[in-house]
């Protein structure tokens, strides 16, 4: 990304905002989200909309939008990368850059549960809705469902997720649900990554809505992952999470989990966009090798 590229995006947003919808209408879409190898590799970039910029030791890694877009374009250009998961602002920047042809585009829906806030578990749908996803020709929507047994606000988010599943399914669009059992510890929400807790979250998420026909799951890789994945017949994408301190061990865990029949791909953001050595192409190609 050059300064002129950023300036061009800004000028378009000022003088021709309708160009975003035009670019979405021109976008060449894939016949099916799943790639020819039966797997799906999505790069995630919806963290900034929740006010999260950290990647590894760098607390501001994702703050610079031009740098983020540059790394996204590098990742999306690699053979084997199927698409992106992002909020509307990032998706629209990528549309204007022409980076989403023949790619899967998944819109991030609920970004209201800002990290570190007292209302974090009340994760309202402040991003895409199903109508907007369909209007922009995207392929589906992703939602985060954190279930805190001690916080009554959980049920509002759960109900909103069920409604989003219905609205997406009614348009035959993918509903990607990311469920966790969570607890507030020292004032902050912490996800419970024990296999029993993740398996319980899987079962709850699988039952959302009036149909699960278009529902997929987005799950962390934890110990005893086979038992977790066996809790549902819904297809699952494994999430990458933070930049790993030991990439080899992390890649091995992903590869092991991918042997389960419900594990159909990966959704990875910071681990490939901001790897420890800074080499985005190498990080992406390593993950593609696992698939």
C-alpha atoms as a PDB file:
ATOM      1  CA  UNK A   1       0.000   0.000   0.000  1.00  0.00           C
ATOM      2  CA  UNK A   2       1.392   3.365  -1.051  1.00  0.00           C
ATOM      3  CA  UNK A   3       0.350   6.815   0.132  1.00  0.00           C
ATOM      4  CA  UNK A   4      -1.321   7.328  -3.248  1.00  0.00           C
ATOM      5  CA  UNK A   5      -3.351   4.116  -2.786  1.00  0.00           C
ATOM      6  CA  UNK A   6      -4.653   5.335   0.561  1.00  0.00           C
ATOM      7  CA  UNK A   7      -5.335   8.791  -0.874  1.00  0.00           C
ATOM      8  CA  UNK A   8      -7.313   7.243  -3.733  1.00  0.00           C
ATOM      9  CA  UNK A   9      -9.497   5.277  -1.304  1.00  0.00           C
ATOM     10  CA  UNK A  10     -10.140   8.427   0.733  1.00  0.00           C
ATOM     11  CA  UNK A  11     -10.973  10.502  -2.369  1.00  0.00           C
ATOM     12  CA  UNK A  12     -13.378   7.811  -3.552  1.00  0.00           C
ATOM     13  CA  UNK A  13     -15.080   7.723  -0.160  1.00  0.00           C
ATOM     14  CA  UNK A  14     -15.491  11.522  -0.274  1.00  0.00           C
ATOM     15  CA  UNK A  15     -16.509  12.104  -3.874  1.00  0.00           C
ATOM     16  CA  UNK A  16     -17.928   8.760  -5.089  1.00  0.00           C
ATOM     17  CA  UNK A  17     -19.159   6.716  -2.114  1.00  0.00           C
ATOM     18  CA  UNK A  18     -21.484   4.878  -4.485  1.00  0.00           C
ATOM     19  CA  UNK A  19     -18.345   3.318  -6.025  1.00  0.00           C
ATOM     20  CA  UNK A  20     -18.244   0.889  -3.088  1.00  0.00           C
ATOM     21  CA  UNK A  21     -21.590  -0.661  -4.014  1.00  0.00           C
ATOM     22  CA  UNK A  22     -20.559  -0.620  -7.665  1.00  0.00           C
ATOM     23  CA  UNK A  23     -17.380  -2.535  -6.836  1.00  0.00           C
ATOM     24  CA  UNK A  24     -19.409  -5.044  -4.841  1.00  0.00           C
ATOM     25  CA  UNK A  25     -21.733  -5.516  -7.803  1.00  0.00           C
ATOM     26  CA  UNK A  26     -18.798  -6.129 -10.165  1.00  0.00           C
ATOM     27  CA  UNK A  27     -17.053  -8.574  -7.846  1.00  0.00           C
ATOM     28  CA  UNK A  28     -16.585 -11.992  -9.379  1.00  0.00           C
ATOM     29  CA  UNK A  29     -18.010 -14.488  -6.897  1.00  0.00           C
ATOM     30  CA  UNK A  30     -17.146 -18.137  -6.451  1.00  0.00           C
ATOM     31  CA  UNK A  31     -19.708 -20.819  -7.180  1.00  0.00           C
ATOM     32  CA  UNK A  32     -19.044 -22.372  -3.754  1.00  0.00           C
ATOM     33  CA  UNK A  33     -17.191 -21.168  -0.650  1.00  0.00           C
ATOM     34  CA  UNK A  34     -15.308 -24.455  -0.378  1.00  0.00           C
ATOM     35  CA  UNK A  35     -12.122 -24.655  -2.416  1.00  0.00           C
ATOM     36  CA  UNK A  36     -11.182 -27.465  -4.810  1.00  0.00           C
ATOM     37  CA  UNK A  37      -9.447 -29.371  -1.998  1.00  0.00           C
ATOM     38  CA  UNK A  38     -12.619 -29.399   0.096  1.00  0.00           C
ATOM     39  CA  UNK A  39     -11.088 -26.990   2.624  1.00  0.00           C
ATOM     40  CA  UNK A  40     -11.519 -23.318   3.434  1.00  0.00           C
ATOM     41  CA  UNK A  41      -8.818 -20.857   4.527  1.00  0.00           C
ATOM     42  CA  UNK A  42     -10.146 -17.465   5.607  1.00  0.00           C
ATOM     43  CA  UNK A  43      -8.021 -14.546   6.807  1.00  0.00           C
ATOM     44  CA  UNK A  44      -9.661 -12.653   9.690  1.00  0.00           C
ATOM     45  CA  UNK A  45      -9.404  -8.879  10.059  1.00  0.00           C
ATOM     46  CA  UNK A  46     -12.311  -7.830  12.262  1.00  0.00           C
ATOM     47  CA  UNK A  47     -10.260  -7.167  15.407  1.00  0.00           C
ATOM     48  CA  UNK A  48      -9.895  -3.347  15.094  1.00  0.00           C
ATOM     49  CA  UNK A  49     -13.670  -2.812  15.172  1.00  0.00           C
ATOM     50  CA  UNK A  50     -13.609  -4.152  18.721  1.00  0.00           C
ATOM     51  CA  UNK A  51     -10.730  -1.818  19.577  1.00  0.00           C
ATOM     52  CA  UNK A  52      -8.190  -4.672  19.524  1.00  0.00           C
ATOM     53  CA  UNK A  53      -4.891  -3.834  17.814  1.00  0.00           C
ATOM     54  CA  UNK A  54      -2.451  -6.206  19.518  1.00  0.00           C
ATOM     55  CA  UNK A  55      -0.602  -8.906  17.613  1.00  0.00           C
ATOM     56  CA  UNK A  56       1.997 -10.732  19.653  1.00  0.00           C
ATOM     57  CA  UNK A  57       4.208  -8.292  21.539  1.00  0.00           C
ATOM     58  CA  UNK A  58       3.127  -5.326  19.393  1.00  0.00           C
ATOM     59  CA  UNK A  59       0.177  -3.602  21.015  1.00  0.00           C
ATOM     60  CA  UNK A  60      -0.419  -1.375  17.989  1.00  0.00           C
ATOM     61  CA  UNK A  61       0.191  -3.823  15.134  1.00  0.00           C
ATOM     62  CA  UNK A  62      -3.288  -3.499  13.596  1.00  0.00           C
ATOM     63  CA  UNK A  63      -3.801   0.216  14.270  1.00  0.00           C
ATOM     64  CA  UNK A  64      -2.292   1.382  10.943  1.00  0.00           C
ATOM     65  CA  UNK A  65      -4.987   0.727   8.334  1.00  0.00           C
ATOM     66  CA  UNK A  66      -2.644   1.031   5.361  1.00  0.00           C
ATOM     67  CA  UNK A  67      -0.320  -1.601   6.854  1.00  0.00           C
ATOM     68  CA  UNK A  68      -3.238  -3.899   7.621  1.00  0.00           C
ATOM     69  CA  UNK A  69      -4.590  -3.561   4.072  1.00  0.00           C
ATOM     70  CA  UNK A  70      -1.168  -4.191   2.588  1.00  0.00           C
ATOM     71  CA  UNK A  71      -0.781  -7.412   4.556  1.00  0.00           C
ATOM     72  CA  UNK A  72      -4.309  -8.488   3.724  1.00  0.00           C
ATOM     73  CA  UNK A  73      -3.671  -7.975   0.016  1.00  0.00           C
ATOM     74  CA  UNK A  74      -0.466 -10.034   0.261  1.00  0.00           C
ATOM     75  CA  UNK A  75      -2.306 -12.844   2.034  1.00  0.00           C
ATOM     76  CA  UNK A  76      -5.247 -12.794  -0.381  1.00  0.00           C
ATOM     77  CA  UNK A  77      -2.897 -12.967  -3.352  1.00  0.00           C
ATOM     78  CA  UNK A  78      -1.428 -16.300  -2.246  1.00  0.00           C
ATOM     79  CA  UNK A  79      -2.785 -19.424  -3.991  1.00  0.00           C
ATOM     80  CA  UNK A  80      -4.910 -21.367  -1.527  1.00  0.00           C
ATOM     81  CA  UNK A  81      -6.251 -18.410   0.444  1.00  0.00           C
ATOM     82  CA  UNK A  82     -10.020 -18.517   0.001  1.00  0.00           C
ATOM     83  CA  UNK A  83     -11.143 -15.202   1.408  1.00  0.00           C
ATOM     84  CA  UNK A  84     -11.523 -12.730   4.241  1.00  0.00           C
ATOM     85  CA  UNK A  85     -13.631 -12.140   7.350  1.00  0.00           C
ATOM     86  CA  UNK A  86     -13.963  -8.452   8.215  1.00  0.00           C
ATOM     87  CA  UNK A  87     -16.209  -5.541   9.129  1.00  0.00           C
ATOM     88  CA  UNK A  88     -17.745  -3.316   6.464  1.00  0.00           C
ATOM     89  CA  UNK A  89     -14.976  -0.687   6.483  1.00  0.00           C
ATOM     90  CA  UNK A  90     -12.246  -3.248   5.758  1.00  0.00           C
ATOM     91  CA  UNK A  91     -14.340  -5.191   3.235  1.00  0.00           C
ATOM     92  CA  UNK A  92     -15.085  -1.957   1.391  1.00  0.00           C
ATOM     93  CA  UNK A  93     -11.427  -0.916   1.305  1.00  0.00           C
ATOM     94  CA  UNK A  94     -10.588  -4.326  -0.181  1.00  0.00           C
ATOM     95  CA  UNK A  95     -13.395  -3.991  -2.727  1.00  0.00           C
ATOM     96  CA  UNK A  96     -12.019  -0.641  -3.862  1.00  0.00           C
ATOM     97  CA  UNK A  97      -8.575  -2.240  -4.160  1.00  0.00           C
ATOM     98  CA  UNK A  98     -10.019  -5.063  -6.281  1.00  0.00           C
ATOM     99  CA  UNK A  99      -8.709  -7.699  -3.868  1.00  0.00           C
ATOM    100  CA  UNK A 100     -11.869  -9.791  -3.451  1.00  0.00           C
ATOM    101  CA  UNK A 101     -12.525 -11.254  -6.889  1.00  0.00           C
ATOM    102  CA  UNK A 102     -13.016 -15.035  -6.693  1.00  0.00           C
ATOM    103  CA  UNK A 103     -12.714 -14.791  -2.906  1.00  0.00           C
ATOM    104  CA  UNK A 104     -15.113 -15.658  -0.119  1.00  0.00           C
ATOM    105  CA  UNK A 105     -16.178 -12.544   1.797  1.00  0.00           C
ATOM    106  CA  UNK A 106     -17.725 -12.977   5.250  1.00  0.00           C
ATOM    107  CA  UNK A 107     -19.084  -9.960   7.105  1.00  0.00           C
ATOM    108  CA  UNK A 108     -18.500  -9.580  10.845  1.00  0.00           C
ATOM    109  CA  UNK A 109     -21.824  -8.878  12.524  1.00  0.00           C
ATOM    110  CA  UNK A 110     -21.654  -8.245  16.289  1.00  0.00           C
ATOM    111  CA  UNK A 111     -18.841  -5.948  17.405  1.00  0.00           C
ATOM    112  CA  UNK A 112     -20.623  -4.236  20.297  1.00  0.00           C
ATOM    113  CA  UNK A 113     -18.988  -6.245  23.097  1.00  0.00           C
ATOM    114  CA  UNK A 114     -15.913  -4.050  23.334  1.00  0.00           C
ATOM    115  CA  UNK A 115     -12.966  -5.618  25.160  1.00  0.00           C
ATOM    116  CA  UNK A 116     -12.606  -4.532  28.769  1.00  0.00           C
ATOM    117  CA  UNK A 117     -16.027  -2.852  29.071  1.00  0.00           C
ATOM    118  CA  UNK A 118     -18.720  -3.557  31.646  1.00  0.00           C
ATOM    119  CA  UNK A 119     -21.096  -4.351  28.757  1.00  0.00           C
ATOM    120  CA  UNK A 120     -18.729  -6.735  26.973  1.00  0.00           C
ATOM    121  CA  UNK A 121     -20.943  -9.809  27.259  1.00  0.00           C
ATOM    122  CA  UNK A 122     -23.917  -7.858  25.812  1.00  0.00           C
ATOM    123  CA  UNK A 123     -22.434  -8.277  22.354  1.00  0.00           C
ATOM    124  CA  UNK A 124     -24.820  -6.299  20.207  1.00  0.00           C
ATOM    125  CA  UNK A 125     -24.984  -6.437  16.414  1.00  0.00           C
ATOM    126  CA  UNK A 126     -23.330  -3.162  15.523  1.00  0.00           C
ATOM    127  CA  UNK A 127     -21.721  -4.394  12.294  1.00  0.00           C
ATOM    128  CA  UNK A 128     -23.273  -6.151   9.317  1.00  0.00           C
ATOM    129  CA  UNK A 129     -26.788  -7.531   9.359  1.00  0.00           C
ATOM    130  CA  UNK A 130     -28.107 -10.227   7.017  1.00  0.00           C
ATOM    131  CA  UNK A 131     -29.775  -7.674   4.751  1.00  0.00           C
ATOM    132  CA  UNK A 132     -26.535  -5.730   4.335  1.00  0.00           C
ATOM    133  CA  UNK A 133     -24.525  -8.904   3.719  1.00  0.00           C
ATOM    134  CA  UNK A 134     -26.923  -9.953   0.964  1.00  0.00           C
ATOM    135  CA  UNK A 135     -27.055  -6.464  -0.560  1.00  0.00           C
ATOM    136  CA  UNK A 136     -23.262  -6.338  -0.857  1.00  0.00           C
ATOM    137  CA  UNK A 137     -23.083  -9.796  -2.395  1.00  0.00           C
ATOM    138  CA  UNK A 138     -21.105 -11.274   0.496  1.00  0.00           C
ATOM    139  CA  UNK A 139     -21.073 -14.992   1.184  1.00  0.00           C
ATOM    140  CA  UNK A 140     -22.083 -15.070   4.825  1.00  0.00           C
ATOM    141  CA  UNK A 141     -21.892 -13.520   8.260  1.00  0.00           C
ATOM    142  CA  UNK A 142     -19.902 -14.303  11.370  1.00  0.00           C
ATOM    143  CA  UNK A 143     -21.114 -13.804  14.936  1.00  0.00           C
ATOM    144  CA  UNK A 144     -19.461 -14.208  18.338  1.00  0.00           C
ATOM    145  CA  UNK A 145     -21.465 -15.840  21.137  1.00  0.00           C
ATOM    146  CA  UNK A 146     -19.881 -15.681  24.586  1.00  0.00           C
ATOM    147  CA  UNK A 147     -22.018 -17.446  27.171  1.00  0.00           C
ATOM    148  CA  UNK A 148     -21.405 -16.252  30.740  1.00  0.00           C
ATOM    149  CA  UNK A 149     -23.481 -18.322  33.190  1.00  0.00           C
ATOM    150  CA  UNK A 150     -23.197 -15.500  35.731  1.00  0.00           C
ATOM    151  CA  UNK A 151     -24.278 -12.615  33.475  1.00  0.00           C
ATOM    152  CA  UNK A 152     -27.970 -12.277  32.547  1.00  0.00           C
ATOM    153  CA  UNK A 153     -27.024 -10.119  29.542  1.00  0.00           C
ATOM    154  CA  UNK A 154     -25.870 -13.338  27.833  1.00  0.00           C
ATOM    155  CA  UNK A 155     -29.403 -14.248  26.785  1.00  0.00           C
ATOM    156  CA  UNK A 156     -29.825 -11.066  24.720  1.00  0.00           C
ATOM    157  CA  UNK A 157     -26.733 -11.889  22.660  1.00  0.00           C
ATOM    158  CA  UNK A 158     -27.847 -15.502  22.337  1.00  0.00           C
ATOM    159  CA  UNK A 159     -31.258 -14.415  21.062  1.00  0.00           C
ATOM    160  CA  UNK A 160     -29.678 -11.970  18.606  1.00  0.00           C
ATOM    161  CA  UNK A 161     -27.395 -14.708  17.267  1.00  0.00           C
ATOM    162  CA  UNK A 162     -30.366 -17.045  16.788  1.00  0.00           C
ATOM    163  CA  UNK A 163     -32.168 -14.310  14.869  1.00  0.00           C
ATOM    164  CA  UNK A 164     -29.077 -13.701  12.698  1.00  0.00           C
ATOM    165  CA  UNK A 165     -28.832 -17.439  11.947  1.00  0.00           C
ATOM    166  CA  UNK A 166     -32.467 -17.376  10.781  1.00  0.00           C
ATOM    167  CA  UNK A 167     -32.000 -14.239   8.675  1.00  0.00           C
ATOM    168  CA  UNK A 168     -28.892 -15.592   6.954  1.00  0.00           C
ATOM    169  CA  UNK A 169     -30.409 -19.028   6.373  1.00  0.00           C
ATOM    170  CA  UNK A 170     -33.464 -17.400   4.825  1.00  0.00           C
ATOM    171  CA  UNK A 171     -31.115 -15.933   2.208  1.00  0.00           C
ATOM    172  CA  UNK A 172     -29.109 -19.170   1.891  1.00  0.00           C
ATOM    173  CA  UNK A 173     -26.036 -17.455   3.282  1.00  0.00           C
ATOM    174  CA  UNK A 174     -23.431 -18.974   5.575  1.00  0.00           C
ATOM    175  CA  UNK A 175     -23.877 -18.301   9.310  1.00  0.00           C
ATOM    176  CA  UNK A 176     -20.510 -18.697  11.030  1.00  0.00           C
ATOM    177  CA  UNK A 177     -20.985 -18.893  14.816  1.00  0.00           C
ATOM    178  CA  UNK A 178     -18.027 -18.568  17.212  1.00  0.00           C
ATOM    179  CA  UNK A 179     -19.191 -19.827  20.640  1.00  0.00           C
ATOM    180  CA  UNK A 180     -17.426 -19.766  24.013  1.00  0.00           C
ATOM    181  CA  UNK A 181     -18.313 -20.392  27.621  1.00  0.00           C
ATOM    182  CA  UNK A 182     -16.920 -17.314  29.338  1.00  0.00           C
ATOM    183  CA  UNK A 183     -16.474 -15.899  32.843  1.00  0.00           C
ATOM    184  CA  UNK A 184     -15.558 -12.486  34.198  1.00  0.00           C
ATOM    185  CA  UNK A 185     -12.221 -12.685  36.028  1.00  0.00           C
ATOM    186  CA  UNK A 186     -10.850  -9.553  37.722  1.00  0.00           C
ATOM    187  CA  UNK A 187     -13.292  -7.472  35.740  1.00  0.00           C
ATOM    188  CA  UNK A 188     -12.429  -8.924  32.316  1.00  0.00           C
ATOM    189  CA  UNK A 189     -14.128 -11.585  30.197  1.00  0.00           C
ATOM    190  CA  UNK A 190     -12.059 -14.761  29.892  1.00  0.00           C
ATOM    191  CA  UNK A 191     -13.010 -17.638  27.589  1.00  0.00           C
ATOM    192  CA  UNK A 192     -12.982 -21.108  29.144  1.00  0.00           C
ATOM    193  CA  UNK A 193     -10.776 -23.202  26.844  1.00  0.00           C
ATOM    194  CA  UNK A 194     -11.181 -26.518  28.615  1.00  0.00           C
ATOM    195  CA  UNK A 195     -12.522 -29.219  26.319  1.00  0.00           C
ATOM    196  CA  UNK A 196     -15.697 -29.714  28.364  1.00  0.00           C
ATOM    197  CA  UNK A 197     -16.529 -26.003  28.181  1.00  0.00           C
ATOM    198  CA  UNK A 198     -15.802 -25.677  24.462  1.00  0.00           C
ATOM    199  CA  UNK A 199     -17.827 -28.825  23.756  1.00  0.00           C
ATOM    200  CA  UNK A 200     -20.757 -27.395  25.699  1.00  0.00           C
ATOM    201  CA  UNK A 201     -20.523 -24.166  23.710  1.00  0.00           C
ATOM    202  CA  UNK A 202     -20.513 -26.197  20.483  1.00  0.00           C
ATOM    203  CA  UNK A 203     -23.725 -27.985  21.464  1.00  0.00           C
ATOM    204  CA  UNK A 204     -25.467 -24.723  22.395  1.00  0.00           C
ATOM    205  CA  UNK A 205     -24.412 -22.936  19.206  1.00  0.00           C
ATOM    206  CA  UNK A 206     -25.478 -25.873  17.041  1.00  0.00           C
ATOM    207  CA  UNK A 207     -29.059 -25.515  18.264  1.00  0.00           C
ATOM    208  CA  UNK A 208     -29.479 -21.815  17.456  1.00  0.00           C
ATOM    209  CA  UNK A 209     -32.259 -20.758  15.121  1.00  0.00           C
ATOM    210  CA  UNK A 210     -35.050 -22.511  13.271  1.00  0.00           C
ATOM    211  CA  UNK A 211     -32.597 -24.329  10.981  1.00  0.00           C
ATOM    212  CA  UNK A 212     -28.926 -25.239  11.119  1.00  0.00           C
ATOM    213  CA  UNK A 213     -28.723 -25.930   7.377  1.00  0.00           C
ATOM    214  CA  UNK A 214     -26.430 -22.959   6.729  1.00  0.00           C
ATOM    215  CA  UNK A 215     -24.660 -22.828  10.099  1.00  0.00           C
ATOM    216  CA  UNK A 216     -20.936 -23.452  10.476  1.00  0.00           C
ATOM    217  CA  UNK A 217     -18.881 -23.138  13.659  1.00  0.00           C
ATOM    218  CA  UNK A 218     -15.662 -21.230  14.333  1.00  0.00           C
ATOM    219  CA  UNK A 219     -13.775 -22.959  17.140  1.00  0.00           C
ATOM    220  CA  UNK A 220     -10.516 -22.661  19.066  1.00  0.00           C
ATOM    221  CA  UNK A 221      -8.052 -25.531  18.983  1.00  0.00           C
ATOM    222  CA  UNK A 222      -7.831 -26.951  22.512  1.00  0.00           C
ATOM    223  CA  UNK A 223      -6.720 -30.163  24.167  1.00  0.00           C
ATOM    224  CA  UNK A 224      -8.862 -33.198  23.350  1.00  0.00           C
ATOM    225  CA  UNK A 225     -10.078 -31.469  20.185  1.00  0.00           C
ATOM    226  CA  UNK A 226     -11.521 -34.685  18.787  1.00  0.00           C
ATOM    227  CA  UNK A 227     -14.039 -34.793  21.632  1.00  0.00           C
ATOM    228  CA  UNK A 228     -14.924 -31.143  21.068  1.00  0.00           C
ATOM    229  CA  UNK A 229     -15.502 -31.600  17.339  1.00  0.00           C
ATOM    230  CA  UNK A 230     -17.551 -34.735  17.951  1.00  0.00           C
ATOM    231  CA  UNK A 231     -20.186 -32.682  19.805  1.00  0.00           C
ATOM    232  CA  UNK A 232     -21.830 -31.639  16.521  1.00  0.00           C
ATOM    233  CA  UNK A 233     -22.181 -32.566  12.865  1.00  0.00           C
ATOM    234  CA  UNK A 234     -21.919 -28.912  11.802  1.00  0.00           C
ATOM    235  CA  UNK A 235     -18.843 -28.072   9.706  1.00  0.00           C
ATOM    236  CA  UNK A 236     -16.203 -26.234  11.728  1.00  0.00           C
ATOM    237  CA  UNK A 237     -13.464 -23.763  10.903  1.00  0.00           C
ATOM    238  CA  UNK A 238     -10.608 -23.630  13.402  1.00  0.00           C
ATOM    239  CA  UNK A 239      -9.569 -20.209  14.629  1.00  0.00           C
ATOM    240  CA  UNK A 240      -5.978 -19.077  14.874  1.00  0.00           C
ATOM    241  CA  UNK A 241      -6.104 -16.597  17.746  1.00  0.00           C
ATOM    242  CA  UNK A 242      -3.046 -14.668  18.889  1.00  0.00           C
ATOM    243  CA  UNK A 243       0.399 -14.754  17.291  1.00  0.00           C
ATOM    244  CA  UNK A 244       1.869 -18.007  18.688  1.00  0.00           C
ATOM    245  CA  UNK A 245       5.134 -18.011  20.629  1.00  0.00           C
ATOM    246  CA  UNK A 246       5.841 -21.481  19.250  1.00  0.00           C
ATOM    247  CA  UNK A 247       4.506 -21.516  15.663  1.00  0.00           C
ATOM    248  CA  UNK A 248       5.614 -25.095  14.985  1.00  0.00           C
ATOM    249  CA  UNK A 249       3.640 -26.444  17.932  1.00  0.00           C
ATOM    250  CA  UNK A 250       0.617 -24.379  16.938  1.00  0.00           C
ATOM    251  CA  UNK A 251       0.739 -25.563  13.323  1.00  0.00           C
ATOM    252  CA  UNK A 252       1.042 -29.167  14.510  1.00  0.00           C
ATOM    253  CA  UNK A 253      -2.072 -28.749  16.689  1.00  0.00           C
ATOM    254  CA  UNK A 254      -4.018 -27.302  13.759  1.00  0.00           C
ATOM    255  CA  UNK A 255      -2.909 -30.138  11.512  1.00  0.00           C
ATOM    256  CA  UNK A 256      -3.941 -32.760  14.065  1.00  0.00           C
ATOM    257  CA  UNK A 257      -7.379 -31.163  14.524  1.00  0.00           C
ATOM    258  CA  UNK A 258      -7.914 -30.993  10.754  1.00  0.00           C
ATOM    259  CA  UNK A 259      -8.042 -34.789  10.617  1.00  0.00           C
ATOM    260  CA  UNK A 260     -11.535 -34.768  12.148  1.00  0.00           C
ATOM    261  CA  UNK A 261     -14.301 -34.967   9.505  1.00  0.00           C
ATOM    262  CA  UNK A 262     -16.139 -31.867  10.750  1.00  0.00           C
ATOM    263  CA  UNK A 263     -12.994 -29.682  10.618  1.00  0.00           C
ATOM    264  CA  UNK A 264     -13.194 -28.096   7.179  1.00  0.00           C
ATOM    265  CA  UNK A 265     -10.692 -25.265   7.349  1.00  0.00           C
ATOM    266  CA  UNK A 266      -9.083 -22.415   9.222  1.00  0.00           C
ATOM    267  CA  UNK A 267      -9.859 -18.791  10.078  1.00  0.00           C
ATOM    268  CA  UNK A 268      -6.602 -17.097  10.988  1.00  0.00           C
ATOM    269  CA  UNK A 269      -5.818 -13.411  11.367  1.00  0.00           C
ATOM    270  CA  UNK A 270      -2.942 -12.078  13.398  1.00  0.00           C
ATOM    271  CA  UNK A 271      -0.920 -15.298  13.245  1.00  0.00           C
ATOM    272  CA  UNK A 272      -0.468 -14.903   9.476  1.00  0.00           C
ATOM    273  CA  UNK A 273      -0.831 -11.138   9.069  1.00  0.00           C
ATOM    274  CA  UNK A 274       1.674 -10.275  11.785  1.00  0.00           C
ATOM    275  CA  UNK A 275       3.946 -13.318  12.232  1.00  0.00           C
ATOM    276  CA  UNK A 276       6.942 -13.016  14.524  1.00  0.00           C
ATOM    277  CA  UNK A 277       9.401 -12.837  11.600  1.00  0.00           C
ATOM    278  CA  UNK A 278       7.216 -10.418   9.612  1.00  0.00           C
ATOM    279  CA  UNK A 279       7.067 -12.720   6.571  1.00  0.00           C
ATOM    280  CA  UNK A 280       3.372 -12.806   5.657  1.00  0.00           C
ATOM    281  CA  UNK A 281       3.849 -14.903   2.512  1.00  0.00           C
ATOM    282  CA  UNK A 282       5.778 -17.605   4.356  1.00  0.00           C
ATOM    283  CA  UNK A 283       3.270 -17.736   7.216  1.00  0.00           C
ATOM    284  CA  UNK A 284       0.343 -18.014   4.797  1.00  0.00           C
ATOM    285  CA  UNK A 285       2.052 -20.677   2.684  1.00  0.00           C
ATOM    286  CA  UNK A 286       2.812 -22.740   5.806  1.00  0.00           C
ATOM    287  CA  UNK A 287      -0.867 -22.762   6.742  1.00  0.00           C
ATOM    288  CA  UNK A 288      -1.875 -23.638   3.178  1.00  0.00           C
ATOM    289  CA  UNK A 289       0.462 -26.618   3.453  1.00  0.00           C
ATOM    290  CA  UNK A 290      -1.526 -27.860   6.443  1.00  0.00           C
ATOM    291  CA  UNK A 291      -4.711 -27.898   4.351  1.00  0.00           C
END
